[in-house]
Amino acid sequence: MDVDFARPDVARLVFRLFSRELHPELINVYASAAIKSNDYEAKLQICDAGHVITFCRNGQMLCEVMTGREHPLPKRRRILSHGVQGHRCESLQLADGVNYHVSFQLEKLEPDVFLHFHEELLADCSKAELAHRFDAAGRLAPTPLSFMETEATADHLIVHAFHTFPDNYGVVKTQSLFELR
């Protein structure tokens, strides 16, 4: 029997991309940040199973979501939908001069390796633009955490996101590039 504590089972994660913004009530947001430049705007959000990145340029909207498979999200204007297993890369050339590239991977680690890596990520959390520590499953268990780092210039936005799943000894890493042509 699966028991979810702080986060869903890492095996039930999905990565989705939409050409629309999602309604705010569809996602439980724990932390958020905004990025604005002359040519684009972006909203970064940490949710219970991962993250949401909403990127907008000249009315062109992209919304990247990593969440649990059971989470009800619309099918309308969905561009990509993949389970989060192993490593995957996608690239799309979109209207209004936006190129989108994403790479995501799930690493399942041995318990001692996970604990060491988790401690390193915990130290990185304090320097990240956006971070959240969730409640631990038990008194001595590591706290699940998520954080996002960005590199924003006039012609691109890069977002690195990290999410830990201590109950599964899993770490999900994503790198998303929104590039203006």
N, C-alpha and C. Protein backbone atom coordinates (compact mmCIF):
# COMPACT_ATOMS: atom_id res chain seq x y z
N MET A 1 0.85 -1.18 0.00
CA MET A 1 0.00 0.00 0.00
C MET A 1 0.88 1.24 0.00
N ASP A 2 0.61 2.17 -0.91
CA ASP A 2 1.36 3.43 -0.96
C ASP A 2 0.76 4.41 0.04
N VAL A 3 1.63 5.04 0.78
CA VAL A 3 1.19 6.08 1.71
C VAL A 3 1.95 7.34 1.37
N ASP A 4 1.24 8.41 1.03
CA ASP A 4 1.88 9.68 0.73
C ASP A 4 1.95 10.52 1.98
N PHE A 5 3.10 11.04 2.26
CA PHE A 5 3.24 11.91 3.42
C PHE A 5 3.33 13.34 2.93
N ALA A 6 4.53 13.83 2.75
CA ALA A 6 4.69 15.22 2.36
C ALA A 6 4.47 15.43 0.87
N ARG A 7 4.74 14.43 0.09
CA ARG A 7 4.66 14.55 -1.37
C ARG A 7 4.11 13.26 -1.95
N PRO A 8 3.60 13.33 -3.18
CA PRO A 8 3.15 12.09 -3.83
C PRO A 8 4.34 11.20 -4.16
N ASP A 9 4.05 9.96 -4.48
CA ASP A 9 5.07 9.02 -4.90
C ASP A 9 5.73 9.55 -6.17
N VAL A 10 7.04 9.53 -6.22
CA VAL A 10 7.78 10.07 -7.36
C VAL A 10 7.42 9.33 -8.66
N ALA A 11 6.97 8.09 -8.57
CA ALA A 11 6.61 7.32 -9.76
C ALA A 11 5.34 7.86 -10.42
N ARG A 12 4.58 8.70 -9.73
CA ARG A 12 3.33 9.24 -10.29
C ARG A 12 3.49 10.65 -10.84
N LEU A 13 4.72 11.13 -10.98
CA LEU A 13 4.93 12.49 -11.50
C LEU A 13 4.73 12.55 -13.01
N VAL A 14 4.19 13.68 -13.47
CA VAL A 14 4.05 13.94 -14.89
C VAL A 14 4.55 15.35 -15.19
N PHE A 15 5.06 15.50 -16.39
CA PHE A 15 5.51 16.79 -16.90
C PHE A 15 4.55 17.18 -18.00
N ARG A 16 4.01 18.40 -17.93
CA ARG A 16 3.06 18.86 -18.95
C ARG A 16 3.41 20.28 -19.37
N LEU A 17 3.10 20.58 -20.63
CA LEU A 17 3.29 21.91 -21.17
C LEU A 17 1.99 22.32 -21.85
N PHE A 18 1.54 23.53 -21.55
CA PHE A 18 0.30 24.08 -22.11
C PHE A 18 0.60 25.38 -22.85
N SER A 19 -0.25 25.69 -23.81
CA SER A 19 -0.15 26.99 -24.50
C SER A 19 -1.19 27.93 -23.91
N ARG A 20 -1.34 27.87 -22.62
CA ARG A 20 -2.29 28.71 -21.88
C ARG A 20 -1.88 28.73 -20.43
N GLU A 21 -2.39 29.71 -19.72
CA GLU A 21 -2.16 29.77 -18.27
C GLU A 21 -3.19 28.88 -17.59
N LEU A 22 -2.80 28.27 -16.48
CA LEU A 22 -3.73 27.44 -15.73
C LEU A 22 -4.48 28.28 -14.71
N HIS A 23 -5.69 27.89 -14.42
CA HIS A 23 -6.45 28.58 -13.37
C HIS A 23 -5.75 28.38 -12.04
N PRO A 24 -5.61 29.43 -11.23
CA PRO A 24 -4.86 29.33 -9.97
C PRO A 24 -5.40 28.28 -9.00
N GLU A 25 -6.70 28.00 -9.05
CA GLU A 25 -7.26 27.04 -8.10
C GLU A 25 -6.89 25.59 -8.43
N LEU A 26 -6.28 25.35 -9.59
CA LEU A 26 -5.90 23.98 -9.96
C LEU A 26 -4.63 23.51 -9.27
N ILE A 27 -3.84 24.43 -8.75
CA ILE A 27 -2.53 24.10 -8.17
C ILE A 27 -2.42 24.70 -6.77
N ASN A 28 -1.93 23.91 -5.82
CA ASN A 28 -1.61 24.43 -4.49
C ASN A 28 -0.20 25.01 -4.54
N VAL A 29 -0.11 26.32 -4.40
CA VAL A 29 1.18 27.02 -4.51
C VAL A 29 1.74 27.29 -3.11
N TYR A 30 3.02 26.95 -2.92
CA TYR A 30 3.69 27.15 -1.63
C TYR A 30 4.68 28.30 -1.65
N ALA A 31 5.17 28.65 -2.84
CA ALA A 31 6.10 29.79 -2.99
C ALA A 31 6.02 30.26 -4.43
N SER A 32 6.21 31.58 -4.63
CA SER A 32 6.16 32.09 -6.00
C SER A 32 7.07 33.30 -6.15
N ALA A 33 7.43 33.57 -7.40
CA ALA A 33 8.28 34.73 -7.74
C ALA A 33 7.93 35.14 -9.17
N ALA A 34 8.21 36.39 -9.49
CA ALA A 34 7.94 36.90 -10.84
C ALA A 34 9.21 37.48 -11.43
N ILE A 35 9.32 37.36 -12.75
CA ILE A 35 10.45 37.92 -13.49
C ILE A 35 9.86 38.74 -14.63
N LYS A 36 10.35 39.98 -14.77
CA LYS A 36 9.85 40.84 -15.85
C LYS A 36 11.03 41.43 -16.59
N SER A 37 10.92 41.41 -17.91
CA SER A 37 11.89 42.10 -18.76
C SER A 37 11.10 42.92 -19.76
N ASN A 38 11.79 43.64 -20.63
CA ASN A 38 11.10 44.43 -21.65
C ASN A 38 10.34 43.55 -22.63
N ASP A 39 10.81 42.31 -22.86
CA ASP A 39 10.23 41.46 -23.89
C ASP A 39 9.43 40.26 -23.40
N TYR A 40 9.47 39.95 -22.11
CA TYR A 40 8.71 38.81 -21.60
C TYR A 40 8.45 38.96 -20.11
N GLU A 41 7.52 38.15 -19.62
CA GLU A 41 7.23 38.04 -18.19
C GLU A 41 7.16 36.56 -17.85
N ALA A 42 7.54 36.23 -16.64
CA ALA A 42 7.47 34.84 -16.19
C ALA A 42 7.03 34.80 -14.73
N LYS A 43 6.28 33.76 -14.41
CA LYS A 43 5.88 33.52 -13.03
C LYS A 43 6.37 32.12 -12.66
N LEU A 44 7.09 32.02 -11.56
CA LEU A 44 7.61 30.75 -11.06
C LEU A 44 6.84 30.39 -9.80
N GLN A 45 6.42 29.12 -9.71
CA GLN A 45 5.67 28.67 -8.54
C GLN A 45 6.14 27.28 -8.13
N ILE A 46 6.23 27.07 -6.84
CA ILE A 46 6.50 25.74 -6.30
C ILE A 46 5.18 25.19 -5.80
N CYS A 47 4.86 23.95 -6.25
CA CYS A 47 3.63 23.30 -5.81
C CYS A 47 3.98 22.00 -5.09
N ASP A 48 2.97 21.27 -4.64
CA ASP A 48 3.20 20.11 -3.79
C ASP A 48 4.08 19.03 -4.42
N ALA A 49 3.98 18.81 -5.71
CA ALA A 49 4.76 17.75 -6.35
C ALA A 49 5.86 18.27 -7.25
N GLY A 50 5.95 19.58 -7.42
CA GLY A 50 6.96 20.10 -8.33
C GLY A 50 6.85 21.60 -8.51
N HIS A 51 6.56 22.01 -9.77
CA HIS A 51 6.58 23.45 -10.05
C HIS A 51 5.67 23.80 -11.21
N VAL A 52 5.46 25.10 -11.35
CA VAL A 52 4.76 25.69 -12.49
C VAL A 52 5.60 26.88 -12.96
N ILE A 53 5.86 26.95 -14.25
CA ILE A 53 6.51 28.12 -14.85
C ILE A 53 5.57 28.64 -15.93
N THR A 54 5.15 29.88 -15.79
CA THR A 54 4.29 30.51 -16.79
C THR A 54 5.10 31.60 -17.47
N PHE A 55 5.26 31.48 -18.78
CA PHE A 55 6.08 32.40 -19.57
C PHE A 55 5.18 33.08 -20.59
N CYS A 56 5.27 34.41 -20.69
CA CYS A 56 4.41 35.15 -21.60
C CYS A 56 5.24 36.15 -22.40
N ARG A 57 5.01 36.14 -23.72
CA ARG A 57 5.65 37.12 -24.61
C ARG A 57 4.67 37.48 -25.72
N ASN A 58 4.34 38.75 -25.84
CA ASN A 58 3.44 39.24 -26.90
C ASN A 58 2.16 38.42 -27.00
N GLY A 59 1.61 38.07 -25.88
CA GLY A 59 0.37 37.29 -25.89
C GLY A 59 0.57 35.80 -26.05
N GLN A 60 1.78 35.35 -26.39
CA GLN A 60 2.11 33.91 -26.48
C GLN A 60 2.36 33.40 -25.07
N MET A 61 1.60 32.41 -24.65
CA MET A 61 1.67 31.90 -23.28
C MET A 61 2.15 30.46 -23.31
N LEU A 62 3.11 30.15 -22.45
CA LEU A 62 3.54 28.77 -22.20
C LEU A 62 3.46 28.52 -20.71
N CYS A 63 2.97 27.35 -20.35
CA CYS A 63 2.85 26.99 -18.93
C CYS A 63 3.38 25.58 -18.74
N GLU A 64 4.52 25.49 -18.07
CA GLU A 64 5.17 24.20 -17.78
C GLU A 64 4.76 23.77 -16.38
N VAL A 65 4.32 22.52 -16.25
CA VAL A 65 3.82 22.03 -14.96
C VAL A 65 4.42 20.66 -14.68
N MET A 66 4.96 20.50 -13.48
CA MET A 66 5.35 19.18 -12.99
C MET A 66 4.50 18.91 -11.75
N THR A 67 3.71 17.86 -11.84
CA THR A 67 2.78 17.56 -10.75
C THR A 67 2.48 16.07 -10.72
N GLY A 68 1.61 15.66 -9.80
CA GLY A 68 1.22 14.26 -9.71
C GLY A 68 0.25 13.88 -10.82
N ARG A 69 0.33 12.64 -11.26
CA ARG A 69 -0.52 12.12 -12.34
C ARG A 69 -2.00 12.25 -12.02
N GLU A 70 -2.36 12.10 -10.77
CA GLU A 70 -3.76 12.15 -10.37
C GLU A 70 -4.31 13.58 -10.28
N HIS A 71 -3.44 14.55 -10.43
CA HIS A 71 -3.85 15.95 -10.33
C HIS A 71 -4.65 16.34 -11.57
N PRO A 72 -5.88 16.79 -11.40
CA PRO A 72 -6.72 17.10 -12.57
C PRO A 72 -6.29 18.40 -13.26
N LEU A 73 -5.76 18.26 -14.45
CA LEU A 73 -5.39 19.42 -15.26
C LEU A 73 -6.10 19.31 -16.60
N PRO A 74 -6.40 20.43 -17.23
CA PRO A 74 -7.15 20.40 -18.49
C PRO A 74 -6.35 19.75 -19.62
N LYS A 75 -7.06 19.24 -20.60
CA LYS A 75 -6.42 18.69 -21.80
C LYS A 75 -6.37 19.74 -22.91
N ARG A 76 -7.23 20.73 -22.78
CA ARG A 76 -7.31 21.77 -23.81
C ARG A 76 -5.99 22.56 -23.86
N ARG A 77 -5.45 22.67 -25.06
CA ARG A 77 -4.22 23.41 -25.35
C ARG A 77 -2.99 22.82 -24.63
N ARG A 78 -3.04 21.51 -24.38
CA ARG A 78 -1.87 20.81 -23.84
C ARG A 78 -0.96 20.44 -25.00
N ILE A 79 0.31 20.80 -24.90
CA ILE A 79 1.27 20.57 -25.97
C ILE A 79 2.08 19.29 -25.71
N LEU A 80 2.50 19.10 -24.45
CA LEU A 80 3.30 17.93 -24.07
C LEU A 80 2.73 17.30 -22.81
N SER A 81 2.89 15.99 -22.70
CA SER A 81 2.54 15.29 -21.47
C SER A 81 3.38 14.02 -21.41
N HIS A 82 4.25 13.92 -20.40
CA HIS A 82 5.14 12.77 -20.25
C HIS A 82 5.26 12.39 -18.78
N GLY A 83 5.35 11.11 -18.52
CA GLY A 83 5.70 10.66 -17.19
C GLY A 83 7.15 11.04 -16.90
N VAL A 84 7.45 11.25 -15.64
CA VAL A 84 8.81 11.64 -15.25
C VAL A 84 9.55 10.37 -14.83
N GLN A 85 10.30 9.82 -15.78
CA GLN A 85 11.09 8.62 -15.55
C GLN A 85 12.38 8.76 -16.34
N GLY A 86 13.48 8.40 -15.74
CA GLY A 86 14.74 8.52 -16.46
C GLY A 86 15.02 9.95 -16.88
N HIS A 87 15.48 10.12 -18.12
CA HIS A 87 15.87 11.43 -18.63
C HIS A 87 15.13 11.70 -19.94
N ARG A 88 14.69 12.93 -20.13
CA ARG A 88 13.97 13.30 -21.36
C ARG A 88 14.29 14.73 -21.74
N CYS A 89 14.41 14.99 -23.05
CA CYS A 89 14.62 16.33 -23.60
C CYS A 89 13.56 16.60 -24.66
N GLU A 90 13.09 17.82 -24.71
CA GLU A 90 12.12 18.26 -25.72
C GLU A 90 12.51 19.65 -26.20
N SER A 91 12.24 19.94 -27.47
CA SER A 91 12.46 21.28 -28.04
C SER A 91 11.29 21.61 -28.94
N LEU A 92 10.83 22.85 -28.85
CA LEU A 92 9.72 23.32 -29.68
C LEU A 92 10.03 24.71 -30.19
N GLN A 93 9.67 24.97 -31.44
CA GLN A 93 9.76 26.31 -31.99
C GLN A 93 8.33 26.82 -32.08
N LEU A 94 8.05 27.89 -31.34
CA LEU A 94 6.69 28.38 -31.22
C LEU A 94 6.50 29.71 -31.95
N ALA A 95 5.26 30.07 -32.11
CA ALA A 95 4.94 31.35 -32.75
C ALA A 95 5.49 32.51 -31.94
N ASP A 96 5.49 33.67 -32.52
CA ASP A 96 5.96 34.90 -31.87
C ASP A 96 7.42 34.84 -31.45
N GLY A 97 8.22 34.02 -32.14
CA GLY A 97 9.66 34.04 -31.92
C GLY A 97 10.14 33.47 -30.61
N VAL A 98 9.51 32.40 -30.13
CA VAL A 98 9.94 31.76 -28.88
C VAL A 98 10.37 30.33 -29.18
N ASN A 99 11.59 30.00 -28.78
CA ASN A 99 12.06 28.61 -28.79
C ASN A 99 12.01 28.12 -27.35
N TYR A 100 11.54 26.90 -27.19
CA TYR A 100 11.42 26.30 -25.85
C TYR A 100 12.20 25.00 -25.84
N HIS A 101 13.05 24.84 -24.84
CA HIS A 101 13.83 23.62 -24.66
C HIS A 101 13.70 23.21 -23.20
N VAL A 102 13.49 21.93 -22.97
CA VAL A 102 13.42 21.44 -21.59
C VAL A 102 14.14 20.11 -21.51
N SER A 103 14.78 19.90 -20.39
CA SER A 103 15.42 18.64 -20.06
C SER A 103 15.03 18.32 -18.63
N PHE A 104 14.50 17.11 -18.41
CA PHE A 104 14.18 16.73 -17.03
C PHE A 104 14.58 15.29 -16.79
N GLN A 105 14.90 15.02 -15.54
CA GLN A 105 15.30 13.67 -15.20
C GLN A 105 14.96 13.35 -13.76
N LEU A 106 14.68 12.08 -13.54
CA LEU A 106 14.44 11.54 -12.21
C LEU A 106 15.63 10.65 -11.87
N GLU A 107 16.26 10.93 -10.74
CA GLU A 107 17.34 10.09 -10.24
C GLU A 107 16.87 9.43 -8.96
N LYS A 108 16.88 8.10 -8.94
CA LYS A 108 16.61 7.36 -7.71
C LYS A 108 17.96 6.92 -7.16
N LEU A 109 18.21 7.30 -5.91
CA LEU A 109 19.53 7.10 -5.33
C LEU A 109 19.48 6.09 -4.18
N GLU A 110 20.62 5.57 -3.84
CA GLU A 110 20.74 4.74 -2.64
C GLU A 110 20.51 5.65 -1.43
N PRO A 111 19.94 5.13 -0.34
CA PRO A 111 19.61 5.99 0.81
C PRO A 111 20.75 6.86 1.32
N ASP A 112 21.95 6.32 1.47
CA ASP A 112 23.06 7.12 1.99
C ASP A 112 23.50 8.19 0.99
N VAL A 113 23.46 7.87 -0.31
CA VAL A 113 23.81 8.84 -1.34
C VAL A 113 22.74 9.95 -1.38
N PHE A 114 21.47 9.54 -1.27
CA PHE A 114 20.39 10.52 -1.26
C PHE A 114 20.57 11.50 -0.09
N LEU A 115 20.85 10.98 1.11
CA LEU A 115 20.98 11.85 2.28
C LEU A 115 22.11 12.86 2.10
N HIS A 116 23.23 12.41 1.54
CA HIS A 116 24.36 13.31 1.29
C HIS A 116 23.97 14.38 0.26
N PHE A 117 23.36 13.96 -0.85
CA PHE A 117 22.95 14.89 -1.90
C PHE A 117 21.89 15.86 -1.39
N HIS A 118 20.98 15.36 -0.57
CA HIS A 118 19.92 16.19 0.00
C HIS A 118 20.52 17.30 0.87
N GLU A 119 21.54 16.98 1.62
CA GLU A 119 22.21 18.00 2.44
C GLU A 119 22.86 19.08 1.58
N GLU A 120 23.45 18.68 0.46
CA GLU A 120 24.04 19.65 -0.46
C GLU A 120 22.96 20.56 -1.05
N LEU A 121 21.83 19.96 -1.45
CA LEU A 121 20.73 20.75 -1.99
C LEU A 121 20.14 21.69 -0.94
N LEU A 122 20.09 21.23 0.29
CA LEU A 122 19.57 22.06 1.38
C LEU A 122 20.42 23.32 1.53
N ALA A 123 21.73 23.19 1.40
CA ALA A 123 22.61 24.36 1.47
C ALA A 123 22.37 25.28 0.27
N ASP A 124 22.13 24.70 -0.92
CA ASP A 124 21.86 25.49 -2.11
C ASP A 124 20.54 26.24 -2.01
N CYS A 125 19.60 25.69 -1.26
CA CYS A 125 18.27 26.32 -1.11
C CYS A 125 18.37 27.74 -0.57
N SER A 126 19.30 27.97 0.33
CA SER A 126 19.41 29.29 0.95
C SER A 126 19.84 30.36 -0.06
N LYS A 127 20.45 29.94 -1.18
CA LYS A 127 20.91 30.89 -2.19
C LYS A 127 19.98 30.99 -3.39
N ALA A 128 18.95 30.17 -3.44
CA ALA A 128 18.06 30.11 -4.60
C ALA A 128 17.08 31.28 -4.61
N GLU A 129 16.62 31.64 -5.82
CA GLU A 129 15.62 32.70 -5.95
C GLU A 129 14.30 32.30 -5.31
N LEU A 130 13.97 31.02 -5.38
CA LEU A 130 12.69 30.52 -4.89
C LEU A 130 12.91 29.16 -4.26
N ALA A 131 12.47 28.98 -3.03
CA ALA A 131 12.67 27.70 -2.35
C ALA A 131 11.55 27.46 -1.35
N HIS A 132 11.29 26.17 -1.12
CA HIS A 132 10.31 25.79 -0.09
C HIS A 132 10.70 24.44 0.50
N ARG A 133 10.64 24.36 1.83
CA ARG A 133 10.84 23.10 2.55
C ARG A 133 9.49 22.63 3.03
N PHE A 134 9.13 21.41 2.68
CA PHE A 134 7.86 20.82 3.08
C PHE A 134 8.02 20.12 4.42
N ASP A 135 6.90 19.76 5.03
CA ASP A 135 6.94 19.00 6.28
C ASP A 135 7.50 17.61 6.00
N ALA A 136 8.29 17.12 6.94
CA ALA A 136 8.87 15.79 6.81
C ALA A 136 7.83 14.72 7.15
N ALA A 137 8.04 13.52 6.64
CA ALA A 137 7.14 12.41 6.90
C ALA A 137 7.24 11.95 8.35
N GLY A 138 8.36 12.16 8.98
CA GLY A 138 8.56 11.77 10.37
C GLY A 138 9.55 12.70 11.03
N ARG A 139 9.68 12.52 12.31
CA ARG A 139 10.54 13.39 13.11
C ARG A 139 11.99 13.38 12.65
N LEU A 140 12.49 12.24 12.21
CA LEU A 140 13.89 12.12 11.83
C LEU A 140 14.10 12.08 10.32
N ALA A 141 13.03 12.11 9.57
CA ALA A 141 13.14 12.02 8.11
C ALA A 141 13.58 13.36 7.53
N PRO A 142 14.30 13.32 6.39
CA PRO A 142 14.66 14.58 5.73
C PRO A 142 13.40 15.28 5.19
N THR A 143 13.44 16.59 5.17
CA THR A 143 12.30 17.35 4.66
C THR A 143 12.35 17.39 3.13
N PRO A 144 11.24 17.10 2.48
CA PRO A 144 11.22 17.29 1.03
C PRO A 144 11.44 18.77 0.73
N LEU A 145 12.14 19.05 -0.33
CA LEU A 145 12.38 20.45 -0.67
C LEU A 145 12.30 20.66 -2.17
N SER A 146 12.03 21.90 -2.52
CA SER A 146 12.02 22.33 -3.92
C SER A 146 12.69 23.68 -3.98
N PHE A 147 13.48 23.89 -5.02
CA PHE A 147 14.00 25.23 -5.24
C PHE A 147 14.24 25.45 -6.71
N MET A 148 14.23 26.74 -7.07
CA MET A 148 14.39 27.14 -8.46
C MET A 148 15.42 28.25 -8.55
N GLU A 149 16.32 28.12 -9.50
CA GLU A 149 17.32 29.15 -9.79
C GLU A 149 17.10 29.62 -11.21
N THR A 150 17.37 30.89 -11.47
CA THR A 150 17.12 31.43 -12.80
C THR A 150 18.32 32.19 -13.34
N GLU A 151 18.36 32.27 -14.66
CA GLU A 151 19.28 33.17 -15.37
C GLU A 151 18.40 33.90 -16.37
N ALA A 152 18.20 35.18 -16.14
CA ALA A 152 17.33 35.97 -17.01
C ALA A 152 18.14 37.05 -17.72
N THR A 153 18.04 37.06 -19.04
CA THR A 153 18.66 38.11 -19.86
C THR A 153 17.58 38.69 -20.77
N ALA A 154 17.95 39.63 -21.60
CA ALA A 154 16.99 40.24 -22.52
C ALA A 154 16.46 39.25 -23.54
N ASP A 155 17.25 38.22 -23.90
CA ASP A 155 16.79 37.31 -24.95
C ASP A 155 16.55 35.87 -24.51
N HIS A 156 16.67 35.57 -23.21
CA HIS A 156 16.32 34.23 -22.75
C HIS A 156 16.09 34.18 -21.24
N LEU A 157 15.40 33.13 -20.85
CA LEU A 157 15.19 32.80 -19.44
C LEU A 157 15.51 31.33 -19.27
N ILE A 158 16.42 31.03 -18.36
CA ILE A 158 16.75 29.65 -18.01
C ILE A 158 16.30 29.42 -16.57
N VAL A 159 15.58 28.32 -16.35
CA VAL A 159 15.12 27.98 -15.00
C VAL A 159 15.62 26.57 -14.68
N HIS A 160 16.35 26.46 -13.58
CA HIS A 160 16.78 25.17 -13.04
C HIS A 160 15.92 24.89 -11.83
N ALA A 161 15.26 23.74 -11.82
CA ALA A 161 14.41 23.37 -10.68
C ALA A 161 14.88 22.03 -10.12
N PHE A 162 14.84 21.92 -8.80
CA PHE A 162 15.22 20.70 -8.09
C PHE A 162 14.13 20.36 -7.09
N HIS A 163 13.73 19.09 -7.06
CA HIS A 163 12.69 18.63 -6.14
C HIS A 163 13.15 17.31 -5.54
N THR A 164 13.11 17.21 -4.21
CA THR A 164 13.50 15.96 -3.57
C THR A 164 12.26 15.22 -3.05
N PHE A 165 12.35 13.91 -3.10
CA PHE A 165 11.28 13.01 -2.65
C PHE A 165 11.90 11.98 -1.70
N PRO A 166 12.09 12.36 -0.43
CA PRO A 166 12.79 11.49 0.51
C PRO A 166 12.16 10.12 0.70
N ASP A 167 10.83 10.02 0.62
CA ASP A 167 10.18 8.72 0.80
C ASP A 167 10.59 7.72 -0.28
N ASN A 168 11.01 8.23 -1.44
CA ASN A 168 11.41 7.39 -2.57
C ASN A 168 12.90 7.49 -2.88
N TYR A 169 13.65 8.28 -2.09
CA TYR A 169 15.07 8.55 -2.36
C TYR A 169 15.25 9.07 -3.80
N GLY A 170 14.33 9.95 -4.20
CA GLY A 170 14.35 10.47 -5.56
C GLY A 170 14.63 11.96 -5.62
N VAL A 171 15.29 12.37 -6.69
CA VAL A 171 15.55 13.77 -6.97
C VAL A 171 15.14 14.02 -8.42
N VAL A 172 14.30 15.04 -8.62
CA VAL A 172 13.90 15.43 -9.98
C VAL A 172 14.58 16.75 -10.28
N LYS A 173 15.25 16.80 -11.45
CA LYS A 173 15.94 18.01 -11.90
C LYS A 173 15.37 18.40 -13.24
N THR A 174 15.10 19.69 -13.41
CA THR A 174 14.67 20.18 -14.72
C THR A 174 15.49 21.41 -15.09
N GLN A 175 15.68 21.56 -16.38
CA GLN A 175 16.28 22.78 -16.92
C GLN A 175 15.38 23.22 -18.07
N SER A 176 14.83 24.40 -17.97
CA SER A 176 13.91 24.95 -18.97
C SER A 176 14.52 26.21 -19.56
N LEU A 177 14.52 26.30 -20.89
CA LEU A 177 15.05 27.46 -21.59
C LEU A 177 13.95 28.04 -22.47
N PHE A 178 13.64 29.30 -22.23
CA PHE A 178 12.72 30.07 -23.07
C PHE A 178 13.60 31.07 -23.80
N GLU A 179 13.72 30.90 -25.11
CA GLU A 179 14.67 31.68 -25.90
C GLU A 179 13.92 32.50 -26.94
N LEU A 180 14.25 33.80 -26.99
CA LEU A 180 13.62 34.68 -27.97
C LEU A 180 14.45 34.70 -29.24
N ARG A 181 13.77 34.62 -30.39
CA ARG A 181 14.47 34.65 -31.68
C ARG A 181 14.40 36.04 -32.26
